Amino acid sequence: MAGSGMKSLAKDTAIYGLSSILGRVLNWFLMPLHISIFTNTIEYGKVSRIYGLTALFLVLLTYGLETGFFRFMNKKEENADKVYSTSLITIGCTSLLFILFCICFITPISEWLRYTDHREHIMIMAIVVALDAFMTIPFAYLRQQKRPKRFAALKLAFIFFNIFFNLFFLVFCPWIKEAYPDFILNKFYHQDIGIGYIFLANLISTLAVLILLIPTTMKGLKIDFDKSLLGRLLKYSFPLLMLGLAGVISQTVAQLVYPYIFDSVAEADRQLGIYSACVKFSVIISMFIQAFRYAYEPFFFGKNKDGKDNTKSYADAMKYFIIFVLLIFLVVMFYIDIIQYIMHKIGRNYAIGLDVLPYAMMGEIFFGIYFNLSVWYKLTDKTKYGAYFSILGCIIQVVMNIVLVPVYGYIASAWATFACNLIIAAISYFIGQKYFPIKYDLKNIFLYFILATVFYIAAMYPQIDNELLRMGYRTLFLIAFAAIVIKKDLPLSEIPLINRYFKKNK
């Protein structure tokens, strides 16, 4: 299948992936909890809107410095301790200034965001996003030091804290209030706070992880701020801010524009609540992409440091990435009946939006491809191209949402994400071949896309009333796709356990 580089990448992806998958799965269960408690889709729309803004400001407050950190930590001529210290101090200062700015101007900010009923929600999440931005560099340091287990443990700790406090505020406290009206806890719990407890749980969990993170990543830190180094870091990283914005807009464009394209903010939140709940089911692909990203950035920067031609490794990574995300896509769509059953049980008012799922997942897939392709401008220090692609993607997303959503509703947001990521991935590929040629296995990549499309249509088109027969019929296509992949690119003899078995019994 691949050389030692691919095995190392696969190992780190597995560790990051396990934490990412487990974390995302556990965190995903908050969505059923929230929509079962807040049956009014408007309330969940508000939650989604605040988290969309949080994601946007997290990108703004890190301004691409995470990738710049990896790039400069792997430069022989740079002092690693100085890179870490300068990056940490810079983001710490900007995060603190952001909190102070929000405190001073919370009223105009809430009016601008069309979220005036509960300004405290904005303030709580402003603190959360500032803390998250600050922790970006210590977490990057763990990845740089090849400590995926510690990284994974801290990420999972946040998930567990967040789930615990969500259950505490939304389930345990209401039960105590009803079962034991005179209990002292009831003096501090106010049911009318509602979705505000979701944000409060997030804040408490973030503070807890910060406390756990500091001893690990601050030990031995030398406070050494270098203005010249900061200038070089920002010159490299700032264009990546545009890249980050493209990514976050791909995820949150609906949350950002809906309040301004509907006549009523309530209608915007209603449609947003439905769309956000249903698109959550694309989490399986997005969490794989995230796990791959955590492992891939240190991998390709480290490979580039040895001075050898590693383009074959980058091409292999792309092909296997596409194989696995297409397999995930087929699994989710072939068993969508299970998802429909779950949604009708926990949130009937939200289930009508599941038709967004195939478009949302394909949008995620092409964003993952775009991330793979970004290796060319990151390694050639032509990060300005990332900014160009990002600006184009932002324009496509925003225009399509503004024009199509008022006509077709929330499904147009999924169309926009798909179209945007497909276009910028294609453009990045063609320009990248000029500056940093990589011989991607286009023949097999296109073959797998064609196979996945044909199998999807053939499996989903027939109307089979019996649920077991329907899923059994679709499973045959899934097995066929997996068999073709194994025969062509994943021979069983390359799987370590099976390989050892054959050698032992040879």
Protein backbone atom coordinates (compact mmCIF):
# COMPACT_ATOMS: atom_id res chain seq x y z
CA MET A 1 0.00 0.00 0.00
CA ALA A 2 2.60 2.53 0.96
CA GLY A 3 5.96 3.09 2.55
CA SER A 4 6.94 3.87 6.11
CA GLY A 5 5.82 7.48 5.69
CA MET A 6 2.26 6.38 4.95
CA LYS A 7 2.34 3.96 7.90
CA SER A 8 3.47 6.75 10.23
CA LEU A 9 0.75 9.02 8.88
CA ALA A 10 -1.81 6.27 9.25
CA LYS A 11 -0.74 5.61 12.86
CA ASP A 12 -1.03 9.27 13.88
CA THR A 13 -4.31 9.61 11.95
CA ALA A 14 -5.61 6.59 13.86
CA ILE A 15 -4.77 8.15 17.24
CA TYR A 16 -6.10 11.57 16.33
CA GLY A 17 -8.97 9.89 14.55
CA LEU A 18 -9.94 7.78 17.55
CA SER A 19 -10.14 10.86 19.76
CA SER A 20 -11.82 12.87 17.03
CA ILE A 21 -14.35 10.14 16.26
CA LEU A 22 -15.09 9.41 19.89
CA GLY A 23 -15.23 13.11 20.70
CA ARG A 24 -17.45 13.99 17.77
CA VAL A 25 -19.74 11.02 18.45
CA LEU A 26 -20.08 11.97 22.12
CA ASN A 27 -20.50 15.65 21.27
CA TRP A 28 -23.01 14.73 18.56
CA PHE A 29 -25.31 13.35 21.25
CA LEU A 30 -25.78 16.90 22.48
CA MET A 31 -27.77 17.63 19.33
CA PRO A 32 -30.47 15.02 20.09
CA LEU A 33 -30.50 16.24 23.68
CA HIS A 34 -30.94 19.87 22.64
CA ILE A 35 -33.63 19.33 19.98
CA SER A 36 -35.58 16.99 22.29
CA ILE A 37 -35.61 19.67 25.02
CA PHE A 38 -35.95 22.73 22.77
CA THR A 39 -38.66 21.45 20.43
CA ASN A 40 -39.15 24.93 19.03
CA THR A 41 -36.74 25.03 16.07
CA ILE A 42 -36.24 28.77 16.62
CA GLU A 43 -34.40 28.11 19.90
CA TYR A 44 -32.02 25.63 18.33
CA GLY A 45 -31.53 28.08 15.48
CA LYS A 46 -30.29 30.65 18.00
CA VAL A 47 -27.83 28.14 19.44
CA SER A 48 -26.57 27.34 15.95
CA ARG A 49 -26.24 31.04 15.11
CA ILE A 50 -24.09 31.77 18.18
CA TYR A 51 -21.85 28.80 17.49
CA GLY A 52 -21.48 29.88 13.87
CA LEU A 53 -20.25 33.27 15.05
CA THR A 54 -17.93 31.56 17.53
CA ALA A 55 -16.34 29.49 14.76
CA LEU A 56 -15.86 32.60 12.62
CA PHE A 57 -14.18 34.58 15.39
CA LEU A 58 -11.97 31.65 16.35
CA VAL A 59 -10.47 31.78 12.86
CA LEU A 60 -10.08 35.55 13.07
CA LEU A 61 -8.39 35.36 16.46
CA THR A 62 -5.89 32.68 15.38
CA TYR A 63 -5.23 34.40 12.00
CA GLY A 64 -3.51 31.38 10.44
CA LEU A 65 -0.78 31.30 13.09
CA GLU A 66 -1.31 27.62 13.83
CA THR A 67 -0.03 26.59 10.37
CA GLY A 68 2.68 29.27 10.54
CA PHE A 69 3.77 27.77 13.85
CA PHE A 70 4.31 24.35 12.21
CA ARG A 71 6.13 25.88 9.26
CA PHE A 72 8.61 27.86 11.37
CA MET A 73 9.11 25.13 13.96
CA ASN A 74 10.40 22.94 11.11
CA LYS A 75 12.75 25.55 9.66
CA LYS A 76 16.37 24.74 10.48
CA GLU A 77 17.32 28.40 10.74
CA GLU A 78 14.64 29.22 13.33
CA ASN A 79 14.86 28.80 17.11
CA ALA A 80 11.98 26.48 18.10
CA ASP A 81 11.66 27.86 21.64
CA LYS A 82 11.46 31.38 20.31
CA VAL A 83 8.82 30.41 17.72
CA TYR A 84 6.66 28.85 20.44
CA SER A 85 7.03 31.74 22.87
CA THR A 86 6.43 34.47 20.27
CA SER A 87 3.34 32.71 18.87
CA LEU A 88 1.87 32.12 22.33
CA ILE A 89 2.40 35.70 23.55
CA THR A 90 0.94 37.15 20.35
CA ILE A 91 -2.27 35.14 20.42
CA GLY A 92 -2.60 35.63 24.18
CA CYS A 93 -2.51 39.43 23.78
CA THR A 94 -5.00 39.55 20.91
CA SER A 95 -7.38 37.21 22.76
CA LEU A 96 -7.32 39.45 25.83
CA LEU A 97 -7.96 42.55 23.71
CA PHE A 98 -10.91 40.80 22.08
CA ILE A 99 -12.54 40.12 25.46
CA LEU A 100 -12.07 43.74 26.55
CA PHE A 101 -13.51 44.99 23.25
CA CYS A 102 -16.63 42.81 23.64
CA ILE A 103 -17.15 43.99 27.23
CA CYS A 104 -16.97 47.64 26.18
CA PHE A 105 -19.18 47.36 23.09
CA ILE A 106 -21.57 44.51 23.88
CA THR A 107 -24.70 46.59 23.15
CA PRO A 108 -23.81 47.70 19.60
CA ILE A 109 -22.37 44.24 18.89
CA SER A 110 -25.62 42.52 19.87
CA GLU A 111 -27.64 44.98 17.78
CA TRP A 112 -25.39 44.42 14.77
CA LEU A 113 -25.79 40.65 15.16
CA ARG A 114 -29.58 41.01 15.55
CA TYR A 115 -29.35 39.15 18.87
CA THR A 116 -30.54 41.66 21.45
CA ASP A 117 -32.71 39.50 23.72
CA HIS A 118 -29.83 37.87 25.58
CA ARG A 119 -26.60 39.83 25.26
CA GLU A 120 -25.07 37.64 27.95
CA HIS A 121 -25.02 34.72 25.50
CA ILE A 122 -22.72 36.70 23.22
CA MET A 123 -20.47 37.73 26.11
CA ILE A 124 -20.11 34.17 27.42
CA MET A 125 -19.15 32.84 24.00
CA ALA A 126 -16.78 35.76 23.40
CA ILE A 127 -14.79 34.59 26.43
CA VAL A 128 -14.96 30.99 25.20
CA VAL A 129 -13.65 31.83 21.73
CA ALA A 130 -10.82 33.95 23.17
CA LEU A 131 -9.72 31.08 25.42
CA ASP A 132 -9.98 28.60 22.54
CA ALA A 133 -7.82 30.87 20.38
CA PHE A 134 -5.18 31.09 23.10
CA MET A 135 -5.12 27.29 23.49
CA THR A 136 -4.55 26.78 19.77
CA ILE A 137 -0.77 27.18 20.08
CA PRO A 138 -0.30 24.88 23.11
CA PHE A 139 -2.36 22.22 21.31
CA ALA A 140 -0.28 22.73 18.16
CA TYR A 141 2.84 22.33 20.33
CA LEU A 142 1.60 18.91 21.47
CA ARG A 143 1.13 17.87 17.84
CA GLN A 144 4.57 19.20 16.95
CA GLN A 145 6.12 17.21 19.79
CA LYS A 146 4.40 14.05 18.51
CA ARG A 147 2.24 13.68 21.58
CA PRO A 148 -1.05 12.61 20.03
CA LYS A 149 -2.17 10.70 23.12
CA ARG A 150 -1.92 13.76 25.38
CA PHE A 151 -3.57 15.88 22.70
CA ALA A 152 -6.41 13.38 22.35
CA ALA A 153 -6.88 13.07 26.12
CA LEU A 154 -7.29 16.84 26.55
CA LYS A 155 -9.67 17.13 23.61
CA LEU A 156 -11.79 14.32 25.01
CA ALA A 157 -11.69 15.89 28.46
CA PHE A 158 -13.44 18.95 27.04
CA ILE A 159 -16.11 16.77 25.43
CA PHE A 160 -16.79 14.91 28.67
CA PHE A 161 -16.93 18.13 30.70
CA ASN A 162 -19.25 19.71 28.17
CA ILE A 163 -21.62 16.75 28.07
CA PHE A 164 -21.63 16.52 31.86
CA PHE A 165 -22.53 20.17 32.37
CA ASN A 166 -25.14 20.08 29.61
CA LEU A 167 -26.79 17.12 31.33
CA PHE A 168 -26.43 18.84 34.69
CA PHE A 169 -28.09 22.10 33.63
CA LEU A 170 -30.65 20.76 31.14
CA VAL A 171 -31.67 17.42 32.68
CA PHE A 172 -30.57 17.06 36.31
CA CYS A 173 -31.43 20.58 37.53
CA PRO A 174 -34.97 20.60 36.04
CA TRP A 175 -35.58 17.15 37.54
CA ILE A 176 -34.39 18.31 40.97
CA LYS A 177 -36.56 21.42 40.71
CA GLU A 178 -39.64 19.34 39.98
CA ALA A 179 -38.96 16.44 42.35
CA TYR A 180 -37.57 18.43 45.28
CA PRO A 181 -38.89 22.01 45.12
CA ASP A 182 -37.25 23.02 48.41
CA PHE A 183 -33.78 21.78 47.51
CA ILE A 184 -31.12 24.49 47.93
CA LEU A 185 -29.86 24.04 44.34
CA ASN A 186 -33.15 25.50 43.05
CA LYS A 187 -32.17 28.94 44.35
CA PHE A 188 -29.37 29.07 41.78
CA TYR A 189 -31.16 27.40 38.88
CA HIS A 190 -33.48 29.50 36.71
CA GLN A 191 -35.36 27.61 34.03
CA ASP A 192 -36.01 30.74 31.98
CA ILE A 193 -32.29 30.94 31.17
CA GLY A 194 -33.01 28.12 28.69
CA ILE A 195 -30.39 27.83 25.94
CA GLY A 196 -28.08 30.08 27.97
CA TYR A 197 -27.11 26.99 29.96
CA ILE A 198 -25.66 25.46 26.79
CA PHE A 199 -23.23 28.37 26.52
CA LEU A 200 -22.48 28.35 30.25
CA ALA A 201 -21.62 24.63 30.09
CA ASN A 202 -19.22 25.40 27.24
CA LEU A 203 -17.48 28.15 29.22
CA ILE A 204 -16.98 25.98 32.32
CA SER A 205 -15.64 23.11 30.20
CA THR A 206 -13.19 25.39 28.35
CA LEU A 207 -11.82 26.76 31.62
CA ALA A 208 -11.36 23.22 32.95
CA VAL A 209 -9.34 22.15 29.89
CA LEU A 210 -7.23 25.32 30.07
CA ILE A 211 -6.28 24.41 33.63
CA LEU A 212 -5.28 20.89 32.50
CA LEU A 213 -3.41 22.14 29.43
CA ILE A 214 -1.20 24.79 31.02
CA PRO A 215 1.09 22.50 33.13
CA THR A 216 1.78 20.26 30.12
CA THR A 217 2.60 22.87 27.53
CA MET A 218 4.04 25.67 29.67
CA LYS A 219 6.66 23.52 31.40
CA GLY A 220 10.08 24.75 30.36
CA LEU A 221 8.63 27.59 28.27
CA LYS A 222 11.10 30.43 27.82
CA ILE A 223 9.45 33.83 27.55
CA ASP A 224 11.24 35.24 24.54
CA PHE A 225 9.33 37.58 22.23
CA ASP A 226 10.96 38.33 18.88
CA LYS A 227 9.42 41.15 16.81
CA SER A 228 11.36 40.20 13.70
CA LEU A 229 10.21 36.60 13.98
CA LEU A 230 6.61 37.73 14.52
CA GLY A 231 6.79 39.73 11.30
CA ARG A 232 7.91 36.66 9.36
CA LEU A 233 5.28 34.51 11.04
CA LEU A 234 2.49 36.93 10.21
CA LYS A 235 3.68 37.39 6.62
CA TYR A 236 3.46 33.63 6.13
CA SER A 237 0.33 33.05 8.20
CA PHE A 238 -1.90 36.02 7.46
CA PRO A 239 -2.90 34.86 3.95
CA LEU A 240 -3.96 31.61 5.58
CA LEU A 241 -6.52 33.64 7.50
CA MET A 242 -8.44 33.87 4.23
CA LEU A 243 -8.10 30.12 3.83
CA GLY A 244 -9.45 29.64 7.33
CA LEU A 245 -12.32 31.97 6.60
CA ALA A 246 -13.24 29.91 3.54
CA GLY A 247 -13.31 26.79 5.67
CA VAL A 248 -15.42 28.31 8.41
CA ILE A 249 -17.81 29.91 5.95
CA SER A 250 -18.22 26.53 4.30
CA GLN A 251 -19.41 25.30 7.69
CA THR A 252 -21.29 28.32 8.99
CA VAL A 253 -22.44 30.48 6.08
CA ALA A 254 -26.09 29.81 6.96
CA GLN A 255 -25.58 30.97 10.55
CA LEU A 256 -23.87 34.13 9.34
CA VAL A 257 -26.27 35.31 6.62
CA TYR A 258 -29.75 33.95 7.51
CA PRO A 259 -30.64 36.78 9.94
CA TYR A 260 -30.08 39.29 7.13
CA ILE A 261 -31.83 37.54 4.19
CA PHE A 262 -35.18 36.75 5.81
CA ASP A 263 -37.83 39.33 6.60
CA SER A 264 -38.13 37.93 10.12
CA VAL A 265 -35.27 36.91 12.43
CA ALA A 266 -37.62 34.28 13.88
CA GLU A 267 -38.10 32.70 10.43
CA ALA A 268 -34.34 32.79 9.89
CA ASP A 269 -33.77 30.98 13.19
CA ARG A 270 -36.54 28.46 12.41
CA GLN A 271 -34.98 27.43 9.09
CA LEU A 272 -31.52 27.58 10.59
CA GLY A 273 -32.57 25.27 13.42
CA ILE A 274 -33.83 22.63 10.97
CA TYR A 275 -30.83 22.92 8.68
CA SER A 276 -28.26 22.85 11.50
CA ALA A 277 -29.78 19.79 13.18
CA CYS A 278 -29.88 17.75 9.96
CA VAL A 279 -26.48 18.76 8.63
CA LYS A 280 -25.00 17.46 11.90
CA PHE A 281 -25.30 13.98 10.44
CA SER A 282 -22.45 14.80 8.03
CA VAL A 283 -20.22 14.79 11.13
CA ILE A 284 -18.86 11.36 10.21
CA ILE A 285 -17.04 12.76 7.20
CA SER A 286 -16.03 16.02 8.84
CA MET A 287 -14.51 14.24 11.83
CA PHE A 288 -12.45 12.01 9.53
CA ILE A 289 -11.22 15.10 7.69
CA GLN A 290 -10.32 16.75 11.00
CA ALA A 291 -8.41 13.68 12.19
CA PHE A 292 -6.57 13.49 8.87
CA ARG A 293 -5.72 17.19 9.05
CA TYR A 294 -4.24 16.87 12.55
CA ALA A 295 -1.85 14.19 11.31
CA TYR A 296 -1.22 15.46 7.77
CA GLU A 297 0.10 18.96 8.48
CA PRO A 298 3.02 17.83 10.70
CA PHE A 299 3.54 14.94 8.23
CA PHE A 300 4.03 16.96 5.06
CA PHE A 301 6.00 19.76 6.74
CA GLY A 302 8.25 17.14 8.34
CA LYS A 303 8.67 15.32 5.02
CA ASN A 304 9.60 18.55 3.29
CA LYS A 305 12.29 19.19 5.91
CA ASP A 306 14.34 16.14 4.81
CA GLY A 307 14.95 17.71 1.39
CA LYS A 308 13.82 14.65 -0.60
CA ASP A 309 11.17 14.39 -3.29
CA ASN A 310 8.10 13.29 -1.35
CA THR A 311 5.43 14.05 -3.94
CA LYS A 312 4.61 10.33 -4.23
CA SER A 313 3.63 10.33 -0.55
CA TYR A 314 1.37 13.34 -1.06
CA ALA A 315 -0.29 11.67 -4.05
CA ASP A 316 -0.85 8.46 -2.08
CA ALA A 317 -2.35 10.41 0.81
CA MET A 318 -4.85 12.05 -1.56
CA LYS A 319 -5.95 8.78 -3.12
CA TYR A 320 -6.48 6.93 0.14
CA PHE A 321 -8.22 9.93 1.62
CA ILE A 322 -10.73 9.94 -1.26
CA ILE A 323 -11.28 6.20 -1.02
CA PHE A 324 -12.21 6.39 2.65
CA VAL A 325 -14.44 9.47 2.44
CA LEU A 326 -16.40 7.99 -0.46
CA LEU A 327 -16.86 4.80 1.53
CA ILE A 328 -18.14 6.85 4.47
CA PHE A 329 -20.53 8.72 2.17
CA LEU A 330 -22.03 5.48 0.86
CA VAL A 331 -22.40 3.99 4.35
CA VAL A 332 -24.30 7.04 5.63
CA MET A 333 -26.59 7.33 2.60
CA PHE A 334 -27.32 3.61 2.27
CA TYR A 335 -28.49 3.49 5.89
CA ILE A 336 -30.25 6.84 5.99
CA ASP A 337 -33.44 5.04 7.07
CA ILE A 338 -31.85 4.66 10.51
CA ILE A 339 -31.15 8.40 10.63
CA GLN A 340 -34.73 9.19 9.62
CA TYR A 341 -36.04 6.93 12.37
CA ILE A 342 -33.83 8.64 14.97
CA MET A 343 -34.90 12.11 13.89
CA HIS A 344 -38.61 11.28 14.02
CA LYS A 345 -38.17 9.92 17.52
CA ILE A 346 -36.20 12.78 19.03
CA GLY A 347 -37.19 15.81 16.97
CA ARG A 348 -40.08 15.41 14.57
CA ASN A 349 -40.07 19.15 13.82
CA TYR A 350 -36.51 18.87 12.52
CA ALA A 351 -36.75 15.66 10.42
CA ILE A 352 -38.06 17.40 7.31
CA GLY A 353 -34.57 18.75 6.60
CA LEU A 354 -32.73 15.46 5.99
CA ASP A 355 -32.77 16.00 2.22
CA VAL A 356 -29.75 18.31 2.72
CA LEU A 357 -27.52 15.42 3.78
CA PRO A 358 -26.05 14.14 0.45
CA TYR A 359 -25.16 17.68 -0.67
CA ALA A 360 -23.70 18.56 2.73
CA MET A 361 -21.50 15.45 2.79
CA MET A 362 -20.23 15.97 -0.75
CA GLY A 363 -19.39 19.53 0.23
CA GLU A 364 -17.33 18.16 3.13
CA ILE A 365 -15.57 15.71 0.83
CA PHE A 366 -14.48 18.42 -1.60
CA PHE A 367 -13.31 20.61 1.25
CA GLY A 368 -11.14 17.70 2.38
CA ILE A 369 -9.76 17.37 -1.15
CA TYR A 370 -9.06 21.10 -1.19
CA PHE A 371 -7.16 20.75 2.09
CA ASN A 372 -5.06 17.94 0.59
CA LEU A 373 -4.28 20.09 -2.43
CA SER A 374 -3.19 23.02 -0.24
CA VAL A 375 0.14 21.28 0.34
CA TRP A 376 1.57 22.94 -2.79
CA TYR A 377 1.22 26.55 -1.70
CA LYS A 378 2.06 25.83 1.93
CA LEU A 379 5.37 24.19 1.03
CA THR A 380 6.30 26.78 -1.60
CA ASP A 381 5.39 29.65 0.75
CA LYS A 382 2.88 30.93 -1.83
CA THR A 383 0.15 31.19 0.75
CA LYS A 384 -1.28 34.21 -1.05
CA TYR A 385 -2.97 31.71 -3.37
CA GLY A 386 -4.78 30.26 -0.39
CA ALA A 387 -6.13 33.76 0.21
CA TYR A 388 -7.24 34.09 -3.41
CA PHE A 389 -9.06 30.76 -3.35
CA SER A 390 -10.64 31.60 -0.02
CA ILE A 391 -11.97 34.95 -1.20
CA LEU A 392 -13.45 33.28 -4.28
CA GLY A 393 -15.04 30.61 -2.11
CA CYS A 394 -16.50 33.20 0.24
CA ILE A 395 -18.04 35.07 -2.68
CA ILE A 396 -19.59 31.90 -4.13
CA GLN A 397 -21.01 30.86 -0.78
CA VAL A 398 -22.46 34.20 0.18
CA VAL A 399 -23.93 34.97 -3.26
CA MET A 400 -25.56 31.56 -3.60
CA ASN A 401 -27.07 31.78 -0.12
CA ILE A 402 -28.37 35.32 -0.63
CA VAL A 403 -29.85 34.51 -4.05
CA LEU A 404 -31.11 30.94 -3.59
CA VAL A 405 -32.05 30.50 0.10
CA PRO A 406 -34.99 32.97 0.03
CA VAL A 407 -36.37 31.00 -2.96
CA TYR A 408 -35.55 27.36 -2.16
CA GLY A 409 -35.00 27.48 1.58
CA TYR A 410 -32.22 25.93 3.65
CA ILE A 411 -31.33 23.22 1.11
CA ALA A 412 -29.70 25.93 -1.02
CA SER A 413 -27.08 26.34 1.71
CA ALA A 414 -25.99 22.74 1.14
CA TRP A 415 -25.88 23.34 -2.63
CA ALA A 416 -23.70 26.39 -2.06
CA THR A 417 -21.20 24.52 0.11
CA PHE A 418 -20.92 21.73 -2.46
CA ALA A 419 -20.46 24.10 -5.41
CA CYS A 420 -17.96 26.32 -3.58
CA ASN A 421 -15.65 23.54 -2.45
CA LEU A 422 -15.77 21.78 -5.82
CA ILE A 423 -14.79 24.96 -7.67
CA ILE A 424 -11.92 26.03 -5.41
CA ALA A 425 -10.55 22.47 -5.28
CA ALA A 426 -10.47 22.31 -9.08
CA ILE A 427 -8.78 25.71 -9.41
CA SER A 428 -6.22 24.86 -6.71
CA TYR A 429 -5.33 21.64 -8.51
CA PHE A 430 -4.65 23.26 -11.89
CA ILE A 431 -2.60 26.15 -10.48
CA GLY A 432 -0.74 23.83 -8.10
CA GLN A 433 0.47 21.65 -10.96
CA LYS A 434 2.32 24.68 -12.32
CA TYR A 435 4.22 25.58 -9.13
CA PHE A 436 4.53 22.23 -7.33
CA PRO A 437 3.67 19.32 -9.65
CA ILE A 438 2.28 16.25 -7.91
CA LYS A 439 1.30 13.21 -9.98
CA TYR A 440 -2.03 12.39 -8.40
CA ASP A 441 -3.57 9.11 -9.46
CA LEU A 442 -6.36 10.88 -11.33
CA LYS A 443 -7.39 7.77 -13.24
CA ASN A 444 -8.28 5.82 -10.12
CA ILE A 445 -9.60 8.89 -8.28
CA PHE A 446 -12.11 9.56 -11.07
CA LEU A 447 -12.91 5.86 -11.25
CA TYR A 448 -13.83 5.78 -7.56
CA PHE A 449 -16.00 8.89 -7.90
CA ILE A 450 -17.82 7.38 -10.88
CA LEU A 451 -18.30 4.07 -9.08
CA ALA A 452 -19.61 5.79 -5.95
CA THR A 453 -22.05 7.86 -8.03
CA VAL A 454 -23.31 4.87 -10.04
CA PHE A 455 -23.67 2.70 -6.95
CA TYR A 456 -25.45 5.52 -5.09
CA ILE A 457 -28.02 5.98 -7.87
CA ALA A 458 -28.50 2.24 -8.37
CA ALA A 459 -28.93 1.62 -4.64
CA MET A 460 -31.16 4.59 -3.79
CA TYR A 461 -33.41 4.78 -6.88
CA PRO A 462 -35.54 1.58 -6.55
CA GLN A 463 -38.56 1.98 -4.26
CA ILE A 464 -38.43 -1.03 -1.94
CA ASP A 465 -41.14 -0.90 0.73
CA ASN A 466 -39.69 -3.50 3.09
CA GLU A 467 -37.02 -1.81 5.22
CA LEU A 468 -34.87 -4.92 5.72
CA LEU A 469 -34.91 -5.78 2.04
CA ARG A 470 -34.14 -2.17 1.14
CA MET A 471 -31.11 -1.99 3.40
CA GLY A 472 -29.99 -5.47 2.37
CA TYR A 473 -30.15 -4.44 -1.30
CA ARG A 474 -28.07 -1.34 -0.60
CA THR A 475 -25.58 -3.34 1.45
CA LEU A 476 -24.76 -5.41 -1.66
CA PHE A 477 -23.57 -2.26 -3.42
CA LEU A 478 -21.53 -1.26 -0.37
CA ILE A 479 -19.82 -4.66 -0.33
CA ALA A 480 -19.16 -4.40 -4.07
CA PHE A 481 -17.53 -0.98 -3.67
CA ALA A 482 -15.37 -2.20 -0.78
CA ALA A 483 -14.35 -5.29 -2.76
CA ILE A 484 -13.21 -3.18 -5.71
CA VAL A 485 -11.18 -0.92 -3.39
CA ILE A 486 -9.52 -3.90 -1.71
CA LYS A 487 -8.68 -5.54 -5.02
CA LYS A 488 -7.23 -2.40 -6.60
CA ASP A 489 -5.59 -0.41 -3.80
CA LEU A 490 -5.87 -2.10 -0.43
CA PRO A 491 -4.68 -5.70 -0.87
CA LEU A 492 -5.29 -7.78 2.24
CA SER A 493 -1.64 -8.86 2.33
CA GLU A 494 -0.67 -5.28 3.17
CA ILE A 495 -2.76 -5.23 6.36
CA PRO A 496 -0.22 -5.90 9.17
CA LEU A 497 -2.18 -8.59 11.09
CA ILE A 498 -3.08 -10.53 7.95
CA ASN A 499 0.44 -10.13 6.57
CA ARG A 500 1.92 -11.61 9.75
CA TYR A 501 -0.60 -14.47 9.58
CA PHE A 502 0.42 -15.37 6.02
CA LYS A 503 4.13 -15.22 6.89
CA LYS A 504 3.57 -17.42 9.92
CA ASN A 505 1.63 -20.05 7.98
CA LYS A 506 3.65 -19.90 4.79
